[in-house]
Amino acid sequence: MPVPRKRDRADAVTATLRVTFQGCQTDGICYPPMTRRVKLAIPSGTVTPVSTPDTPAPATVAPLPTATTPVDAAVATPDTTTSAASIATDVERTRPPEEVLARNPRGTSSLLVALALALTGGLILNLMPCVLPILSLKALSLAESGREGGDARRRALWYTAGVLVSFVAVGALAIALRAAGQALGWGFQLQQPWVVGLLAYVMFAVGLSLSGVFAIGHRLAGTGHGLASRRGPVGDFFTGGLAVVVASPCTAPFMGVALAYAFTAPTPLALLVFAVLGLGLALPFLLIGFVPGLASRLPRPGAWMDTLKQVLAFPMYLTAVWLLWVLGKQRGIDAVGLALVGLVLLALGLWWFQRARFAPAPLQRALALALAVSALVPLAMLHRLPAETAAAPTTEGHAAYSADRLAALRAEGRIVFVDMTADWCVTCKANEKAVLNTPAFRELLATHDAVMLTGDWTNVDPAITAFLEKHGAVGVPLYVMYPRGGGAGEVLPTVLTQDGMRRAFERAAR
């Protein structure tokens, strides 16, 4: 519609229009407010006369000029205007139907769909490589406890409680931070280097305990491994919480729609979705605890468990190595060096504490614990290091993402494939290994004269977060295929295949 404007200069100028809008359902459910900025080219005109109390100035009413280059919008087409309604409609067109349904909750049916997808996604998380080391520990502890039905049920319930509380807590924190204007999504905690470093410490300490460097569960409640491995409610509850934390880098299929629903639904419904995600993650151990036939299939306790326990230490060490690699991507080699110093201090402190456990003087134990705690000092120094800049892609047809570059390529009529990824995202790395970094995919780019734009969300990046929100995603990976000659982008599945990418390129070329 026409918008009145007041001019204090007659010559042509460029300006940026900032539009904030919010859509609401008739039943009172509202989406989060959205802001878009559009560059305008304002032609020359007449200066608005100065108004007086007796002679109010007439408003100059004229339609706003057509937008040229969006500043933070993901798509620029010739018919882009400053209408908030048209922007919101374009956002909905870029989403697959199931995600539009998730972002537009309309009664019980949508909630049930979101809960079903959340339960399925949480269940699939048990198969993800980031969760398997923790689940292996819990399976070993259940086998050690034998076939006692009551004990198995109690342990399953406490583990489930830890998963549910942790999932709801992480979800509530993410929702609160997003409501406060923070550019965050699923897995946001792994964008913080000190969290990545602390998780590396925990995995390394678990590995040391499994290797027999120190005994398990002797007044080491301040370290994650002691809690995760000790018998009783505390150990089971903490293991559930640790499983949730390490599950964050993994985005299982079906989780995307459920999380999108959770981040736009009213808070009580959002927390319910997060709780059902946790229920899916805990479901295998609940079944073992409450179905006697499954519990009876567990192997009998024996000497073999000591060997298995030592073998399980090595996946923990590998997980710590992977976390150090992520830390290096975030803050560089100096951050890795600081973390390695901390790991040496932690190992020395735990080894010394083990040797001093039966010493008559408590001073040695106190010094050993102080040495282990001092390992946190290098982590505290990480915030002083500058964030690493992601290396620009060097292959032909591949470039770093920016809204301006996307708009320019679309104006040229090119097919554009946008890949939003992060170094801590396990699903992203699996897709890159299987599909995106292969000769077959590069051949698809060349055949269709397409360009791949990659956005790195390893560290907090508001521009990438805005792109994710525009397409109804709350985390990575996100893959969007923009067709040749304009039109809305197609959001592709979270898990990619070569055949699926071939079909997506064929649709974009039509």
Protein backbone atom coordinates (compact mmCIF):
# COMPACT_ATOMS: atom_id res chain seq x y z
CA MET A 1 0.00 0.00 0.00
CA PRO A 2 1.15 3.62 -0.41
CA VAL A 3 3.31 4.89 2.42
CA PRO A 4 3.57 8.64 3.19
CA ARG A 5 7.09 9.98 3.42
CA LYS A 6 8.48 13.31 4.62
CA ARG A 7 11.44 14.76 2.65
CA ASP A 8 14.03 17.15 3.99
CA ARG A 9 16.15 17.01 0.81
CA ALA A 10 15.23 17.05 -2.86
CA ASP A 11 18.05 15.04 -4.45
CA ALA A 12 17.96 11.30 -5.03
CA VAL A 13 19.23 9.17 -2.14
CA THR A 14 19.61 5.55 -1.11
CA ALA A 15 18.17 4.31 2.16
CA THR A 16 17.45 1.11 4.04
CA LEU A 17 13.89 0.32 5.07
CA ARG A 18 13.58 -1.71 8.27
CA VAL A 19 10.30 -3.63 8.58
CA THR A 20 9.30 -5.53 11.73
CA PHE A 21 6.18 -7.66 11.58
CA GLN A 22 4.48 -10.47 13.47
CA GLY A 23 1.76 -12.86 12.39
CA CYS A 24 -0.87 -14.25 14.76
CA GLN A 25 -3.52 -16.93 14.55
CA THR A 26 -7.13 -16.15 15.36
CA ASP A 27 -6.87 -18.26 18.50
CA GLY A 28 -4.10 -16.08 19.91
CA ILE A 29 -1.00 -18.11 18.94
CA CYS A 30 1.63 -15.76 17.51
CA TYR A 31 4.87 -16.31 15.63
CA PRO A 32 8.07 -14.66 16.86
CA PRO A 33 8.54 -11.10 15.51
CA MET A 34 10.55 -10.97 12.28
CA THR A 35 12.64 -8.09 10.93
CA ARG A 36 13.68 -7.52 7.34
CA ARG A 37 15.82 -4.75 5.84
CA VAL A 38 15.51 -3.69 2.19
CA LYS A 39 17.72 -1.21 0.33
CA LEU A 40 15.75 1.51 -1.47
CA ALA A 41 16.67 3.91 -4.26
CA ILE A 42 14.57 7.06 -3.60
CA PRO A 43 14.30 9.34 -6.66
CA SER A 44 14.58 13.10 -6.51
CA GLY A 45 11.49 14.99 -5.35
CA THR A 46 10.12 17.99 -3.51
CA VAL A 47 11.12 18.98 0.02
CA THR A 48 8.21 18.69 2.46
CA PRO A 49 7.20 22.19 3.71
CA VAL A 50 7.83 22.94 7.38
CA SER A 51 4.59 22.61 9.33
CA THR A 52 3.21 25.13 11.82
CA PRO A 53 0.45 24.73 14.41
CA ASP A 54 -1.96 26.59 12.11
CA THR A 55 -0.93 25.09 8.80
CA PRO A 56 -0.11 21.42 9.05
CA ALA A 57 2.08 20.15 6.25
CA PRO A 58 0.42 17.94 3.69
CA ALA A 59 1.70 14.40 3.65
CA THR A 60 3.46 13.38 0.50
CA VAL A 61 1.93 10.05 -0.40
CA ALA A 62 3.65 7.88 -2.98
CA PRO A 63 4.40 4.21 -3.33
CA LEU A 64 7.79 3.19 -2.09
CA PRO A 65 10.29 2.31 -4.80
CA THR A 66 10.92 -1.29 -5.68
CA ALA A 67 13.58 -2.90 -3.51
CA THR A 68 16.96 -3.48 -5.14
CA THR A 69 19.34 -5.53 -3.05
CA PRO A 70 18.15 -7.04 0.25
CA VAL A 71 20.52 -6.61 3.17
CA ASP A 72 19.63 -9.61 5.26
CA ALA A 73 16.92 -11.39 3.30
CA ALA A 74 17.84 -14.68 1.73
CA VAL A 75 16.03 -14.25 -1.60
CA ALA A 76 15.86 -11.30 -4.00
CA THR A 77 13.44 -11.46 -6.90
CA PRO A 78 12.25 -8.78 -9.30
CA ASP A 79 8.86 -8.57 -7.61
CA THR A 80 10.24 -8.10 -4.09
CA THR A 81 8.50 -5.22 -2.31
CA THR A 82 8.49 -3.77 1.15
CA SER A 83 5.18 -5.33 2.06
CA ALA A 84 5.41 -7.25 5.31
CA ALA A 85 2.68 -9.58 4.13
CA SER A 86 4.56 -10.44 0.93
CA ILE A 87 7.74 -11.12 2.89
CA ALA A 88 5.90 -13.43 5.27
CA THR A 89 4.23 -15.21 2.35
CA ASP A 90 7.60 -15.72 0.64
CA VAL A 91 8.97 -17.20 3.86
CA GLU A 92 6.15 -19.74 3.95
CA ARG A 93 6.69 -20.66 0.27
CA THR A 94 10.30 -21.63 0.94
CA ARG A 95 9.34 -24.27 3.51
CA PRO A 96 8.27 -27.83 2.83
CA PRO A 97 4.65 -28.54 3.83
CA GLU A 98 5.52 -30.39 7.03
CA GLU A 99 7.61 -27.46 8.30
CA VAL A 100 4.88 -24.97 7.45
CA LEU A 101 2.56 -27.16 9.50
CA ALA A 102 5.06 -27.16 12.36
CA ARG A 103 5.38 -23.36 12.35
CA ASN A 104 1.62 -22.85 12.13
CA PRO A 105 0.18 -24.89 15.02
CA ARG A 106 -3.53 -25.37 14.47
CA GLY A 107 -4.97 -27.50 17.19
CA THR A 108 -4.42 -30.97 18.49
CA SER A 109 -3.53 -32.64 15.17
CA SER A 110 -0.41 -30.51 14.60
CA LEU A 111 0.71 -31.06 18.18
CA LEU A 112 0.29 -34.83 17.85
CA VAL A 113 2.31 -34.82 14.61
CA ALA A 114 5.09 -32.82 16.30
CA LEU A 115 5.09 -35.18 19.32
CA ALA A 116 5.21 -38.27 17.09
CA LEU A 117 8.14 -36.83 15.12
CA ALA A 118 9.87 -35.81 18.36
CA LEU A 119 9.55 -39.33 19.79
CA THR A 120 10.90 -40.85 16.55
CA GLY A 121 13.76 -38.35 16.32
CA GLY A 122 14.77 -38.93 19.93
CA LEU A 123 14.74 -42.68 19.39
CA ILE A 124 16.99 -42.38 16.31
CA LEU A 125 19.43 -40.29 18.34
CA ASN A 126 20.46 -43.53 20.06
CA LEU A 127 22.08 -44.62 16.79
CA MET A 128 24.12 -41.44 16.33
CA PRO A 129 27.90 -41.72 16.85
CA CYS A 130 28.02 -38.83 19.32
CA VAL A 131 25.67 -40.63 21.73
CA LEU A 132 26.96 -44.20 21.40
CA PRO A 133 29.92 -43.86 23.83
CA ILE A 134 27.63 -42.78 26.67
CA LEU A 135 25.07 -45.46 25.87
CA SER A 136 27.83 -48.07 25.87
CA LEU A 137 28.71 -47.09 29.42
CA LYS A 138 25.11 -47.37 30.56
CA ALA A 139 24.66 -50.74 28.82
CA LEU A 140 27.79 -52.00 30.58
CA SER A 141 26.51 -50.82 33.96
CA LEU A 142 23.17 -52.58 33.38
CA ALA A 143 24.99 -55.80 32.51
CA GLU A 144 27.11 -55.48 35.67
CA SER A 145 23.95 -55.17 37.77
CA GLY A 146 22.74 -58.56 36.54
CA ARG A 147 19.13 -59.51 35.97
CA GLU A 148 17.56 -57.99 39.08
CA GLY A 149 14.23 -56.67 37.79
CA GLY A 150 13.63 -54.08 40.50
CA ASP A 151 17.14 -52.67 40.20
CA ALA A 152 16.90 -52.49 36.40
CA ARG A 153 13.61 -50.61 36.61
CA ARG A 154 14.96 -48.09 39.12
CA ARG A 155 18.07 -47.47 37.05
CA ALA A 156 16.01 -47.02 33.87
CA LEU A 157 13.70 -44.54 35.60
CA TRP A 158 16.56 -42.46 37.02
CA TYR A 159 18.33 -42.42 33.66
CA THR A 160 15.08 -41.35 31.98
CA ALA A 161 14.60 -38.61 34.57
CA GLY A 162 18.09 -37.29 33.82
CA VAL A 163 17.36 -37.27 30.07
CA LEU A 164 13.99 -35.55 30.44
CA VAL A 165 15.18 -32.88 32.87
CA SER A 166 18.22 -32.11 30.74
CA PHE A 167 16.28 -31.96 27.47
CA VAL A 168 13.68 -29.64 28.97
CA ALA A 169 16.38 -27.48 30.59
CA VAL A 170 18.36 -27.10 27.34
CA GLY A 171 15.17 -26.38 25.40
CA ALA A 172 13.94 -23.82 27.94
CA LEU A 173 17.32 -22.06 27.92
CA ALA A 174 17.40 -21.93 24.10
CA ILE A 175 13.82 -20.57 23.96
CA ALA A 176 14.58 -17.94 26.61
CA LEU A 177 17.76 -16.78 24.88
CA ARG A 178 16.04 -16.59 21.50
CA ALA A 179 13.21 -14.58 23.04
CA ALA A 180 15.85 -12.21 24.42
CA GLY A 181 17.13 -11.62 20.89
CA GLN A 182 20.12 -13.98 20.87
CA ALA A 183 21.05 -15.57 17.54
CA LEU A 184 20.86 -19.14 18.79
CA GLY A 185 19.41 -22.47 17.75
CA TRP A 186 19.69 -26.19 18.48
CA GLY A 187 23.23 -27.04 19.52
CA PHE A 188 23.88 -23.44 20.60
CA GLN A 189 25.98 -24.53 23.59
CA LEU A 190 28.59 -26.04 21.26
CA GLN A 191 29.15 -22.60 19.75
CA GLN A 192 30.81 -21.67 23.06
CA PRO A 193 34.49 -22.76 23.16
CA TRP A 194 34.56 -23.26 26.93
CA VAL A 195 31.64 -25.73 26.67
CA VAL A 196 33.47 -27.68 23.96
CA GLY A 197 36.63 -27.72 26.09
CA LEU A 198 34.74 -28.83 29.19
CA LEU A 199 33.12 -31.70 27.29
CA ALA A 200 36.57 -32.76 26.09
CA TYR A 201 37.69 -32.85 29.74
CA VAL A 202 34.70 -35.00 30.73
CA MET A 203 35.26 -37.51 27.90
CA PHE A 204 38.97 -37.68 28.65
CA ALA A 205 38.30 -38.26 32.36
CA VAL A 206 35.80 -41.02 31.55
CA GLY A 207 38.45 -42.67 29.40
CA LEU A 208 41.03 -42.45 32.20
CA SER A 209 38.63 -44.07 34.67
CA LEU A 210 37.83 -46.90 32.25
CA SER A 211 41.57 -47.42 31.66
CA GLY A 212 42.08 -47.87 35.39
CA VAL A 213 44.12 -44.71 36.03
CA PHE A 214 41.93 -44.00 39.04
CA ALA A 215 39.09 -45.76 40.83
CA ILE A 216 35.50 -44.89 40.04
CA GLY A 217 33.19 -43.03 42.36
CA HIS A 218 35.46 -41.99 45.25
CA ARG A 219 34.50 -38.44 46.21
CA LEU A 220 34.88 -37.17 42.67
CA ALA A 221 31.38 -35.81 42.33
CA GLY A 222 32.80 -32.60 40.85
CA THR A 223 34.04 -34.50 37.81
CA GLY A 224 31.56 -35.81 35.28
CA HIS A 225 33.01 -39.27 34.88
CA GLY A 226 32.61 -40.31 38.52
CA LEU A 227 28.93 -39.47 38.47
CA ALA A 228 28.36 -41.14 35.11
CA SER A 229 29.93 -44.42 36.23
CA ARG A 230 28.89 -44.79 39.86
CA ARG A 231 26.02 -46.99 40.95
CA GLY A 232 22.80 -45.55 42.28
CA PRO A 233 20.32 -42.82 41.32
CA VAL A 234 22.90 -40.02 41.06
CA GLY A 235 25.04 -41.87 38.54
CA ASP A 236 22.05 -42.92 36.42
CA PHE A 237 20.55 -39.42 36.48
CA PHE A 238 23.84 -37.78 35.50
CA THR A 239 24.43 -40.24 32.66
CA GLY A 240 21.06 -39.21 31.22
CA GLY A 241 22.08 -35.56 31.38
CA LEU A 242 25.44 -36.26 29.76
CA ALA A 243 23.75 -38.18 26.95
CA VAL A 244 21.62 -35.10 26.16
CA VAL A 245 24.64 -32.80 26.09
CA VAL A 246 26.63 -34.98 23.71
CA ALA A 247 23.53 -35.56 21.55
CA SER A 248 23.42 -31.86 20.62
CA PRO A 249 25.84 -32.17 17.64
CA CYS A 250 23.53 -34.77 16.10
CA THR A 251 20.29 -33.86 14.37
CA ALA A 252 18.33 -37.00 13.71
CA PRO A 253 15.78 -37.18 10.90
CA PHE A 254 12.31 -35.97 11.96
CA MET A 255 13.82 -33.76 14.68
CA GLY A 256 13.80 -30.67 12.45
CA VAL A 257 10.01 -30.37 12.26
CA ALA A 258 9.58 -31.11 15.96
CA LEU A 259 12.17 -28.50 16.94
CA ALA A 260 10.67 -25.94 14.56
CA TYR A 261 7.31 -26.48 16.23
CA ALA A 262 8.88 -26.20 19.69
CA PHE A 263 10.60 -22.90 18.91
CA THR A 264 7.38 -21.27 17.68
CA ALA A 265 4.70 -22.86 19.89
CA PRO A 266 3.62 -21.50 23.30
CA THR A 267 6.12 -22.32 26.03
CA PRO A 268 4.16 -25.18 27.69
CA LEU A 269 3.74 -26.99 24.36
CA ALA A 270 7.37 -26.31 23.43
CA LEU A 271 8.60 -27.87 26.67
CA LEU A 272 6.32 -30.85 26.06
CA VAL A 273 7.98 -31.41 22.67
CA PHE A 274 11.43 -31.30 24.26
CA ALA A 275 10.30 -33.76 26.94
CA VAL A 276 9.04 -36.20 24.27
CA LEU A 277 12.38 -35.88 22.44
CA GLY A 278 14.02 -36.96 25.68
CA LEU A 279 11.55 -39.80 26.09
CA GLY A 280 12.56 -41.10 22.66
CA LEU A 281 16.24 -40.98 23.63
CA ALA A 282 15.59 -42.85 26.89
CA LEU A 283 13.11 -45.37 25.46
CA PRO A 284 15.57 -48.27 24.84
CA PHE A 285 16.69 -48.33 28.47
CA LEU A 286 13.11 -47.99 29.68
CA LEU A 287 12.22 -51.08 27.65
CA ILE A 288 15.19 -53.01 29.06
CA GLY A 289 14.17 -52.03 32.59
CA PHE A 290 10.47 -52.86 32.28
CA VAL A 291 10.39 -55.77 29.82
CA PRO A 292 11.81 -58.87 31.57
CA GLY A 293 12.38 -60.66 28.27
CA LEU A 294 14.79 -57.97 27.10
CA ALA A 295 16.62 -57.80 30.43
CA SER A 296 17.12 -61.57 30.39
CA ARG A 297 19.02 -61.26 27.11
CA LEU A 298 21.75 -59.17 28.72
CA PRO A 299 25.02 -61.12 29.06
CA ARG A 300 25.90 -62.55 32.45
CA PRO A 301 28.40 -60.58 34.52
CA GLY A 302 31.94 -61.92 34.37
CA ALA A 303 35.61 -61.20 33.95
CA TRP A 304 35.01 -60.22 30.32
CA MET A 305 33.51 -56.95 31.55
CA ASP A 306 36.86 -55.65 32.75
CA THR A 307 38.32 -56.09 29.27
CA LEU A 308 35.27 -54.47 27.66
CA LYS A 309 35.50 -51.56 30.09
CA GLN A 310 39.09 -50.88 29.04
CA VAL A 311 38.17 -51.15 25.35
CA LEU A 312 35.38 -48.61 25.82
CA ALA A 313 37.97 -46.08 26.99
CA PHE A 314 39.20 -45.55 23.45
CA PRO A 315 35.91 -44.22 21.99
CA MET A 316 36.01 -41.71 24.86
CA TYR A 317 39.53 -40.62 23.91
CA LEU A 318 38.47 -40.30 20.27
CA THR A 319 35.49 -38.17 21.29
CA ALA A 320 37.83 -35.90 23.24
CA VAL A 321 40.11 -35.64 20.18
CA TRP A 322 37.14 -34.68 18.01
CA LEU A 323 36.08 -32.00 20.51
CA LEU A 324 39.63 -30.60 20.51
CA TRP A 325 39.45 -30.43 16.71
CA VAL A 326 36.19 -28.45 16.97
CA LEU A 327 37.85 -26.16 19.53
CA GLY A 328 40.71 -25.56 17.10
CA LYS A 329 38.22 -24.62 14.39
CA GLN A 330 36.63 -22.12 16.76
CA ARG A 331 39.69 -20.49 18.36
CA GLY A 332 42.76 -21.83 16.55
CA ILE A 333 45.78 -23.91 17.53
CA ASP A 334 46.45 -21.81 20.65
CA ALA A 335 43.11 -22.95 22.07
CA VAL A 336 44.04 -26.58 21.42
CA GLY A 337 47.36 -26.03 23.22
CA LEU A 338 45.60 -24.54 26.26
CA ALA A 339 43.15 -27.43 26.38
CA LEU A 340 45.96 -29.99 26.13
CA VAL A 341 47.73 -28.35 29.07
CA GLY A 342 44.47 -28.61 31.00
CA LEU A 343 44.09 -32.29 30.13
CA VAL A 344 47.60 -33.02 31.40
CA LEU A 345 46.82 -31.22 34.67
CA LEU A 346 43.56 -33.13 34.97
CA ALA A 347 45.24 -36.50 34.35
CA LEU A 348 48.04 -35.72 36.83
CA GLY A 349 45.58 -34.61 39.50
CA LEU A 350 43.38 -37.71 39.12
CA TRP A 351 46.40 -40.05 39.08
CA TRP A 352 47.83 -38.41 42.21
CA PHE A 353 44.45 -38.55 43.97
CA GLN A 354 44.22 -42.28 43.24
CA ARG A 355 47.65 -42.92 44.75
CA ALA A 356 46.85 -40.76 47.81
CA ARG A 357 43.45 -42.33 48.52
CA PHE A 358 44.78 -44.46 51.37
CA ALA A 359 47.52 -42.08 52.51
CA PRO A 360 47.26 -41.17 56.20
CA ALA A 361 47.68 -37.43 55.52
CA PRO A 362 44.68 -35.79 53.82
CA LEU A 363 46.94 -32.99 52.55
CA GLN A 364 48.04 -35.07 49.54
CA ARG A 365 44.44 -35.72 48.51
CA ALA A 366 43.63 -32.03 48.84
CA LEU A 367 46.62 -31.05 46.72
CA ALA A 368 45.72 -33.65 44.10
CA LEU A 369 42.16 -32.32 43.86
CA ALA A 370 43.47 -28.75 43.65
CA LEU A 371 45.72 -29.79 40.78
CA ALA A 372 42.79 -31.40 38.95
CA VAL A 373 40.64 -28.30 39.49
CA SER A 374 43.45 -26.09 38.18
CA ALA A 375 42.82 -27.69 34.79
CA LEU A 376 39.89 -25.27 34.49
CA VAL A 377 42.25 -22.28 34.32
CA PRO A 378 43.22 -22.90 30.66
CA LEU A 379 39.52 -23.12 29.78
CA ALA A 380 38.93 -19.74 31.40
CA MET A 381 41.61 -18.26 29.13
CA LEU A 382 39.87 -19.34 25.92
CA HIS A 383 37.64 -16.25 25.80
CA ARG A 384 40.73 -14.08 25.21
CA LEU A 385 41.49 -15.79 21.92
CA PRO A 386 39.91 -14.35 18.74
CA ALA A 387 37.46 -16.44 16.77
CA GLU A 388 38.89 -18.23 13.78
CA THR A 389 37.71 -17.05 10.36
CA ALA A 390 36.33 -19.88 8.26
CA ALA A 391 38.51 -20.63 5.24
CA ALA A 392 36.92 -19.56 1.97
CA PRO A 393 36.03 -22.44 -0.38
CA THR A 394 38.62 -22.83 -3.12
CA THR A 395 36.91 -25.16 -5.62
CA GLU A 396 35.20 -23.84 -8.72
CA GLY A 397 31.48 -23.23 -8.28
CA HIS A 398 31.81 -23.03 -4.51
CA ALA A 399 31.84 -19.86 -2.37
CA ALA A 400 31.15 -18.66 1.15
CA TYR A 401 27.55 -17.69 1.90
CA SER A 402 26.42 -14.09 2.14
CA ALA A 403 22.98 -12.62 1.50
CA ASP A 404 24.40 -10.23 -1.09
CA ARG A 405 26.17 -13.02 -2.98
CA LEU A 406 23.02 -15.14 -2.97
CA ALA A 407 20.98 -12.21 -4.30
CA ALA A 408 23.54 -11.49 -7.03
CA LEU A 409 23.65 -15.11 -8.21
CA ARG A 410 19.87 -15.33 -8.26
CA ALA A 411 19.70 -12.10 -10.27
CA GLU A 412 21.97 -13.80 -12.83
CA GLY A 413 19.49 -16.66 -13.11
CA ARG A 414 21.88 -19.26 -11.68
CA ILE A 415 20.94 -22.37 -9.73
CA VAL A 416 22.19 -21.88 -6.17
CA PHE A 417 22.62 -24.61 -3.55
CA VAL A 418 23.00 -23.25 -0.01
CA ASP A 419 24.69 -25.46 2.60
CA MET A 420 24.45 -24.33 6.23
CA THR A 421 26.85 -26.39 8.33
CA ALA A 422 29.03 -26.38 11.46
CA ASP A 423 32.19 -28.23 12.45
CA TRP A 424 30.48 -29.66 15.55
CA CYS A 425 27.50 -30.96 13.53
CA VAL A 426 28.01 -34.71 13.07
CA THR A 427 25.16 -35.01 10.57
CA CYS A 428 26.70 -32.20 8.50
CA LYS A 429 30.07 -33.95 8.36
CA ALA A 430 28.46 -37.25 7.39
CA ASN A 431 26.62 -35.56 4.50
CA GLU A 432 29.82 -33.85 3.37
CA LYS A 433 31.73 -37.13 3.36
CA ALA A 434 29.00 -39.11 1.60
CA VAL A 435 27.68 -36.53 -0.88
CA LEU A 436 28.91 -32.93 -0.89
CA ASN A 437 32.66 -33.55 -1.10
CA THR A 438 32.47 -36.15 -3.85
CA PRO A 439 33.35 -35.92 -7.58
CA ALA A 440 29.75 -36.85 -8.44
CA PHE A 441 28.39 -33.78 -6.64
CA ARG A 442 30.97 -31.49 -8.23
CA GLU A 443 29.94 -32.90 -11.60
CA LEU A 444 26.32 -32.01 -10.81
CA LEU A 445 27.36 -28.42 -10.07
CA ALA A 446 29.28 -28.16 -13.34
CA THR A 447 26.59 -29.83 -15.45
CA HIS A 448 23.87 -27.45 -14.25
CA ASP A 449 26.12 -24.36 -14.07
CA ALA A 450 25.19 -24.13 -10.40
CA VAL A 451 26.94 -22.48 -7.47
CA MET A 452 27.22 -23.86 -3.93
CA LEU A 453 27.24 -21.35 -1.07
CA THR A 454 28.41 -22.64 2.33
CA GLY A 455 27.60 -20.91 5.61
CA ASP A 456 29.69 -21.88 8.66
CA TRP A 457 27.69 -21.79 11.94
CA THR A 458 30.50 -23.22 14.09
CA ASN A 459 30.56 -19.89 15.94
CA VAL A 460 27.58 -17.63 16.56
CA ASP A 461 26.66 -15.85 13.32
CA PRO A 462 23.48 -13.72 13.30
CA ALA A 463 23.33 -13.64 9.48
CA ILE A 464 23.24 -17.45 9.30
CA THR A 465 20.75 -17.61 12.17
CA ALA A 466 18.48 -15.23 10.25
CA PHE A 467 18.69 -17.50 7.19
CA LEU A 468 17.84 -20.54 9.33
CA GLU A 469 14.83 -18.78 10.85
CA LYS A 470 13.63 -17.64 7.42
CA HIS A 471 13.42 -21.25 6.31
CA GLY A 472 11.89 -22.61 9.50
CA ALA A 473 15.06 -24.33 10.74
CA VAL A 474 16.36 -24.08 14.29
CA GLY A 475 19.76 -25.62 13.66
CA VAL A 476 22.07 -27.17 11.12
CA PRO A 477 22.28 -28.85 8.73
CA LEU A 478 20.03 -26.85 6.42
CA TYR A 479 20.12 -27.33 2.65
CA VAL A 480 18.18 -25.06 0.27
CA MET A 481 18.10 -25.38 -3.53
CA TYR A 482 17.18 -22.20 -5.43
CA PRO A 483 15.90 -22.83 -8.98
CA ARG A 484 17.15 -21.23 -12.16
CA GLY A 485 15.42 -18.01 -13.13
CA GLY A 486 13.89 -17.18 -9.73
CA GLY A 487 11.24 -18.65 -7.52
CA ALA A 488 11.18 -19.95 -3.96
CA GLY A 489 13.96 -22.17 -2.71
CA GLU A 490 13.36 -25.84 -1.91
CA VAL A 491 14.38 -27.06 1.55
CA LEU A 492 16.03 -30.47 1.12
CA PRO A 493 16.05 -33.35 3.62
CA THR A 494 18.47 -33.32 6.55
CA VAL A 495 20.16 -36.52 5.37
CA LEU A 496 21.40 -36.23 1.77
CA THR A 497 21.85 -38.90 -0.89
CA GLN A 498 23.47 -38.73 -4.32
CA ASP A 499 20.22 -39.71 -6.04
CA GLY A 500 18.24 -37.16 -4.04
CA MET A 501 20.68 -34.39 -4.99
CA ARG A 502 20.47 -35.35 -8.67
CA ARG A 503 16.67 -35.06 -8.60
CA ALA A 504 16.87 -31.74 -6.74
CA PHE A 505 19.17 -30.27 -9.40
CA GLU A 506 16.84 -31.52 -12.15
CA ARG A 507 13.86 -29.81 -10.50
CA ALA A 508 15.85 -26.58 -10.11
CA ALA A 509 16.83 -26.59 -13.79
CA ARG A 510 13.25 -26.73 -15.10
